[in-house]
N, C-alpha and C. Protein backbone atom coordinates (compact mmCIF):
# COMPACT_ATOMS: atom_id res chain seq x y z
N MET A 1 -10.39 -21.80 9.89
CA MET A 1 -10.76 -22.85 8.96
C MET A 1 -9.52 -23.26 8.17
N GLN A 2 -9.37 -24.55 7.99
CA GLN A 2 -8.24 -25.09 7.26
C GLN A 2 -8.56 -25.11 5.76
N GLN A 3 -7.63 -24.62 4.96
CA GLN A 3 -7.78 -24.57 3.51
C GLN A 3 -6.70 -25.44 2.87
N VAL A 4 -6.99 -25.94 1.69
CA VAL A 4 -5.98 -26.64 0.90
C VAL A 4 -6.06 -26.11 -0.52
N ALA A 5 -4.92 -25.77 -1.08
CA ALA A 5 -4.85 -25.27 -2.46
C ALA A 5 -4.97 -26.45 -3.43
N PRO A 6 -5.45 -26.20 -4.64
CA PRO A 6 -5.62 -27.29 -5.60
C PRO A 6 -4.35 -28.12 -5.84
N ARG A 7 -3.23 -27.48 -6.06
CA ARG A 7 -2.00 -28.24 -6.32
C ARG A 7 -1.55 -29.04 -5.11
N SER A 8 -1.77 -28.50 -3.92
CA SER A 8 -1.44 -29.23 -2.70
C SER A 8 -2.34 -30.45 -2.56
N LEU A 9 -3.62 -30.27 -2.89
CA LEU A 9 -4.55 -31.40 -2.83
C LEU A 9 -4.14 -32.48 -3.81
N ALA A 10 -3.72 -32.10 -5.00
CA ALA A 10 -3.28 -33.08 -5.99
C ALA A 10 -2.14 -33.93 -5.45
N SER A 11 -1.19 -33.32 -4.79
CA SER A 11 -0.08 -34.06 -4.17
C SER A 11 -0.57 -34.93 -3.03
N TRP A 12 -1.44 -34.37 -2.23
CA TRP A 12 -1.97 -35.07 -1.07
C TRP A 12 -2.72 -36.34 -1.49
N LEU A 13 -3.46 -36.24 -2.59
CA LEU A 13 -4.24 -37.39 -3.08
C LEU A 13 -3.35 -38.56 -3.47
N ARG A 14 -2.11 -38.28 -3.86
CA ARG A 14 -1.17 -39.36 -4.21
C ARG A 14 -0.66 -40.08 -2.97
N ASP A 15 -0.70 -39.41 -1.82
CA ASP A 15 -0.08 -39.93 -0.61
C ASP A 15 -1.04 -40.46 0.45
N GLU A 16 -2.28 -40.02 0.42
CA GLU A 16 -3.21 -40.37 1.51
C GLU A 16 -4.62 -40.55 0.96
N PRO A 17 -5.32 -41.59 1.43
CA PRO A 17 -6.72 -41.73 1.02
C PRO A 17 -7.59 -40.68 1.75
N LEU A 18 -8.16 -39.80 0.98
CA LEU A 18 -8.97 -38.71 1.53
C LEU A 18 -10.43 -38.92 1.17
N VAL A 19 -11.30 -38.32 1.95
CA VAL A 19 -12.71 -38.26 1.60
C VAL A 19 -12.92 -36.91 0.92
N LEU A 20 -13.28 -36.95 -0.35
CA LEU A 20 -13.58 -35.73 -1.09
C LEU A 20 -15.09 -35.54 -1.02
N LEU A 21 -15.53 -34.50 -0.34
CA LEU A 21 -16.94 -34.26 -0.11
C LEU A 21 -17.42 -33.12 -1.00
N ASP A 22 -18.13 -33.48 -2.05
CA ASP A 22 -18.65 -32.51 -3.02
C ASP A 22 -20.02 -32.05 -2.57
N VAL A 23 -20.14 -30.77 -2.20
CA VAL A 23 -21.38 -30.25 -1.63
C VAL A 23 -22.21 -29.47 -2.65
N ARG A 24 -21.86 -29.59 -3.92
CA ARG A 24 -22.60 -28.87 -4.97
C ARG A 24 -23.94 -29.54 -5.24
N GLU A 25 -24.76 -28.86 -6.02
CA GLU A 25 -26.06 -29.40 -6.44
C GLU A 25 -25.84 -30.47 -7.50
N ALA A 26 -26.84 -31.31 -7.68
CA ALA A 26 -26.73 -32.44 -8.62
C ALA A 26 -26.41 -31.97 -10.04
N TRP A 27 -27.03 -30.88 -10.49
CA TRP A 27 -26.77 -30.42 -11.86
C TRP A 27 -25.32 -29.98 -12.03
N GLU A 28 -24.72 -29.44 -10.95
CA GLU A 28 -23.32 -29.02 -11.02
C GLU A 28 -22.39 -30.22 -11.12
N VAL A 29 -22.70 -31.24 -10.34
CA VAL A 29 -21.90 -32.47 -10.36
C VAL A 29 -22.02 -33.14 -11.72
N ALA A 30 -23.23 -33.12 -12.31
CA ALA A 30 -23.43 -33.70 -13.64
C ALA A 30 -22.64 -32.93 -14.70
N THR A 31 -22.53 -31.62 -14.52
CA THR A 31 -21.80 -30.78 -15.47
C THR A 31 -20.29 -30.98 -15.34
N SER A 32 -19.81 -31.00 -14.12
CA SER A 32 -18.37 -31.09 -13.85
C SER A 32 -18.11 -32.00 -12.66
N PRO A 33 -18.13 -33.31 -12.87
CA PRO A 33 -17.88 -34.21 -11.74
C PRO A 33 -16.44 -34.12 -11.25
N PHE A 34 -16.27 -34.27 -9.96
CA PHE A 34 -14.95 -34.37 -9.36
C PHE A 34 -14.71 -35.86 -9.13
N PRO A 35 -13.80 -36.48 -9.87
CA PRO A 35 -13.61 -37.93 -9.80
C PRO A 35 -13.37 -38.43 -8.37
N GLY A 36 -14.13 -39.44 -7.99
CA GLY A 36 -13.95 -40.07 -6.68
C GLY A 36 -14.60 -39.37 -5.52
N ALA A 37 -15.31 -38.30 -5.77
CA ALA A 37 -15.91 -37.53 -4.67
C ALA A 37 -17.24 -38.13 -4.22
N LEU A 38 -17.50 -37.99 -2.93
CA LEU A 38 -18.80 -38.33 -2.34
C LEU A 38 -19.68 -37.10 -2.50
N HIS A 39 -20.83 -37.27 -3.15
CA HIS A 39 -21.71 -36.13 -3.38
C HIS A 39 -22.79 -36.07 -2.31
N VAL A 40 -22.77 -35.00 -1.52
CA VAL A 40 -23.82 -34.71 -0.54
C VAL A 40 -24.09 -33.21 -0.66
N PRO A 41 -25.21 -32.83 -1.28
CA PRO A 41 -25.50 -31.39 -1.41
C PRO A 41 -25.47 -30.68 -0.05
N MET A 42 -25.04 -29.45 -0.07
CA MET A 42 -24.88 -28.67 1.16
C MET A 42 -26.11 -28.74 2.06
N ARG A 43 -27.28 -28.61 1.50
CA ARG A 43 -28.50 -28.59 2.31
C ARG A 43 -28.77 -29.93 3.01
N GLU A 44 -28.15 -31.00 2.53
CA GLU A 44 -28.35 -32.32 3.12
C GLU A 44 -27.30 -32.69 4.17
N ILE A 45 -26.28 -31.88 4.32
CA ILE A 45 -25.20 -32.20 5.26
C ILE A 45 -25.73 -32.44 6.68
N PRO A 46 -26.58 -31.56 7.24
CA PRO A 46 -27.03 -31.81 8.61
C PRO A 46 -27.72 -33.16 8.81
N SER A 47 -28.53 -33.57 7.85
CA SER A 47 -29.26 -34.84 8.00
C SER A 47 -28.42 -36.06 7.63
N ARG A 48 -27.29 -35.84 6.96
CA ARG A 48 -26.46 -36.97 6.53
C ARG A 48 -25.08 -36.98 7.17
N ILE A 49 -24.90 -36.18 8.20
CA ILE A 49 -23.60 -36.05 8.84
C ILE A 49 -23.07 -37.40 9.35
N GLY A 50 -23.97 -38.28 9.72
CA GLY A 50 -23.58 -39.60 10.21
C GLY A 50 -22.90 -40.46 9.16
N GLU A 51 -23.03 -40.11 7.89
CA GLU A 51 -22.38 -40.85 6.81
C GLU A 51 -20.91 -40.49 6.66
N LEU A 52 -20.49 -39.42 7.31
CA LEU A 52 -19.12 -38.93 7.15
C LEU A 52 -18.20 -39.51 8.21
N PRO A 53 -17.07 -40.07 7.80
CA PRO A 53 -16.14 -40.68 8.75
C PRO A 53 -15.32 -39.61 9.49
N GLN A 54 -15.62 -39.42 10.74
CA GLN A 54 -15.00 -38.36 11.52
C GLN A 54 -13.49 -38.57 11.70
N GLN A 55 -13.03 -39.81 11.62
CA GLN A 55 -11.62 -40.10 11.85
C GLN A 55 -10.76 -39.96 10.59
N ARG A 56 -11.38 -39.73 9.43
CA ARG A 56 -10.63 -39.57 8.18
C ARG A 56 -10.51 -38.10 7.81
N THR A 57 -9.56 -37.79 6.97
CA THR A 57 -9.41 -36.43 6.47
C THR A 57 -10.45 -36.20 5.39
N ILE A 58 -11.19 -35.10 5.51
CA ILE A 58 -12.24 -34.74 4.57
C ILE A 58 -11.88 -33.42 3.91
N VAL A 59 -12.00 -33.38 2.59
CA VAL A 59 -11.80 -32.13 1.85
C VAL A 59 -13.14 -31.77 1.21
N CYS A 60 -13.68 -30.62 1.59
CA CYS A 60 -14.97 -30.16 1.08
C CYS A 60 -14.76 -29.37 -0.21
N ILE A 61 -15.65 -29.63 -1.18
CA ILE A 61 -15.50 -29.06 -2.52
C ILE A 61 -16.84 -28.47 -2.98
N CYS A 62 -16.77 -27.28 -3.60
CA CYS A 62 -17.94 -26.72 -4.28
C CYS A 62 -17.43 -26.02 -5.54
N HIS A 63 -18.20 -25.09 -6.08
CA HIS A 63 -17.83 -24.43 -7.32
C HIS A 63 -16.63 -23.49 -7.15
N HIS A 64 -16.74 -22.53 -6.23
CA HIS A 64 -15.66 -21.56 -6.02
C HIS A 64 -15.09 -21.57 -4.60
N GLY A 65 -15.64 -22.38 -3.71
CA GLY A 65 -15.09 -22.49 -2.37
C GLY A 65 -15.90 -21.85 -1.26
N ALA A 66 -16.99 -21.16 -1.58
CA ALA A 66 -17.78 -20.49 -0.54
C ALA A 66 -18.68 -21.48 0.22
N ARG A 67 -19.45 -22.27 -0.51
CA ARG A 67 -20.34 -23.24 0.16
C ARG A 67 -19.52 -24.29 0.90
N SER A 68 -18.45 -24.75 0.28
CA SER A 68 -17.62 -25.76 0.94
C SER A 68 -16.96 -25.18 2.20
N ALA A 69 -16.66 -23.89 2.20
CA ALA A 69 -16.11 -23.25 3.41
C ALA A 69 -17.13 -23.29 4.53
N GLN A 70 -18.40 -23.03 4.20
CA GLN A 70 -19.45 -23.09 5.21
C GLN A 70 -19.60 -24.52 5.76
N VAL A 71 -19.53 -25.49 4.88
CA VAL A 71 -19.63 -26.89 5.32
C VAL A 71 -18.42 -27.27 6.17
N THR A 72 -17.25 -26.80 5.78
CA THR A 72 -16.04 -27.07 6.57
C THR A 72 -16.21 -26.55 7.98
N MET A 73 -16.67 -25.31 8.12
CA MET A 73 -16.87 -24.73 9.45
C MET A 73 -17.96 -25.48 10.22
N PHE A 74 -19.03 -25.85 9.55
CA PHE A 74 -20.11 -26.61 10.17
C PHE A 74 -19.57 -27.92 10.75
N LEU A 75 -18.79 -28.64 9.97
CA LEU A 75 -18.24 -29.91 10.43
C LEU A 75 -17.24 -29.71 11.57
N GLN A 76 -16.42 -28.68 11.48
CA GLN A 76 -15.47 -28.40 12.57
C GLN A 76 -16.21 -28.11 13.87
N GLN A 77 -17.30 -27.38 13.78
CA GLN A 77 -18.08 -27.07 14.98
C GLN A 77 -18.71 -28.31 15.59
N ARG A 78 -18.80 -29.37 14.83
CA ARG A 78 -19.38 -30.62 15.30
C ARG A 78 -18.33 -31.68 15.59
N GLY A 79 -17.11 -31.25 15.78
CA GLY A 79 -16.06 -32.15 16.24
C GLY A 79 -15.17 -32.78 15.17
N PHE A 80 -15.39 -32.46 13.91
CA PHE A 80 -14.51 -32.97 12.86
C PHE A 80 -13.22 -32.14 12.90
N GLU A 81 -12.10 -32.80 13.15
CA GLU A 81 -10.83 -32.09 13.28
C GLU A 81 -10.03 -32.06 11.99
N ARG A 82 -10.20 -33.07 11.16
CA ARG A 82 -9.40 -33.19 9.93
C ARG A 82 -10.27 -32.87 8.72
N VAL A 83 -10.76 -31.64 8.66
CA VAL A 83 -11.62 -31.22 7.55
C VAL A 83 -11.05 -29.94 6.95
N TYR A 84 -11.00 -29.91 5.62
CA TYR A 84 -10.39 -28.82 4.88
C TYR A 84 -11.34 -28.34 3.79
N ASN A 85 -11.15 -27.09 3.40
CA ASN A 85 -11.88 -26.52 2.28
C ASN A 85 -10.93 -26.43 1.09
N LEU A 86 -11.40 -26.86 -0.09
CA LEU A 86 -10.61 -26.69 -1.31
C LEU A 86 -10.72 -25.23 -1.73
N SER A 87 -9.65 -24.48 -1.56
CA SER A 87 -9.70 -23.05 -1.90
C SER A 87 -9.88 -22.88 -3.40
N GLY A 88 -10.85 -22.06 -3.76
CA GLY A 88 -11.15 -21.81 -5.16
C GLY A 88 -12.06 -22.84 -5.80
N GLY A 89 -12.37 -23.90 -5.06
CA GLY A 89 -13.31 -24.92 -5.52
C GLY A 89 -12.88 -25.66 -6.77
N ILE A 90 -13.86 -26.30 -7.39
CA ILE A 90 -13.57 -27.09 -8.59
C ILE A 90 -13.14 -26.18 -9.74
N ASP A 91 -13.52 -24.92 -9.71
CA ASP A 91 -13.09 -24.00 -10.75
C ASP A 91 -11.56 -23.83 -10.70
N ALA A 92 -11.01 -23.64 -9.52
CA ALA A 92 -9.56 -23.53 -9.37
C ALA A 92 -8.88 -24.85 -9.71
N TRP A 93 -9.50 -25.96 -9.31
CA TRP A 93 -8.96 -27.29 -9.63
C TRP A 93 -8.84 -27.44 -11.16
N ALA A 94 -9.89 -27.04 -11.88
CA ALA A 94 -9.89 -27.15 -13.34
C ALA A 94 -8.83 -26.24 -13.97
N ARG A 95 -8.63 -25.07 -13.41
CA ARG A 95 -7.63 -24.14 -13.95
C ARG A 95 -6.20 -24.57 -13.64
N GLU A 96 -5.98 -25.12 -12.43
CA GLU A 96 -4.62 -25.38 -11.97
C GLU A 96 -4.16 -26.83 -12.07
N VAL A 97 -5.11 -27.78 -12.05
CA VAL A 97 -4.71 -29.18 -11.96
C VAL A 97 -5.24 -30.02 -13.11
N ASP A 98 -6.54 -29.95 -13.40
CA ASP A 98 -7.15 -30.84 -14.37
C ASP A 98 -7.98 -30.06 -15.38
N SER A 99 -7.36 -29.72 -16.49
CA SER A 99 -8.05 -28.90 -17.50
C SER A 99 -9.13 -29.66 -18.26
N THR A 100 -9.27 -30.96 -18.01
CA THR A 100 -10.34 -31.72 -18.67
C THR A 100 -11.70 -31.49 -18.00
N ILE A 101 -11.68 -30.94 -16.79
CA ILE A 101 -12.94 -30.68 -16.09
C ILE A 101 -13.59 -29.44 -16.69
N VAL A 102 -14.87 -29.55 -16.99
CA VAL A 102 -15.62 -28.47 -17.59
C VAL A 102 -15.79 -27.34 -16.56
N ARG A 103 -15.44 -26.12 -16.98
CA ARG A 103 -15.66 -24.95 -16.12
C ARG A 103 -17.01 -24.36 -16.47
N TYR A 104 -17.71 -23.89 -15.46
CA TYR A 104 -19.05 -23.31 -15.67
C TYR A 104 -19.21 -22.07 -14.85
């Protein structure tokens, strides 16, 4: 599984249009939104997979990186080649990149 560290993702976002796929629950997104992310809760990924652009780079995001890792593997098994997991999730992003994001 391909991983991307928070600081690397911050640099990457300046250089390439990425699909940020937030797989957290609605209450989590309401508490700590990830700006510009597409919100599809993990349980809805199988039924909404057709909404995801297979030819674009996708970075999966959750709270600490476990759920997004599962989604990353799920998508890779279905032919998505450019899919990454944000290591440490939005919690690591808040600690390392954007301290304005609420940690929970």
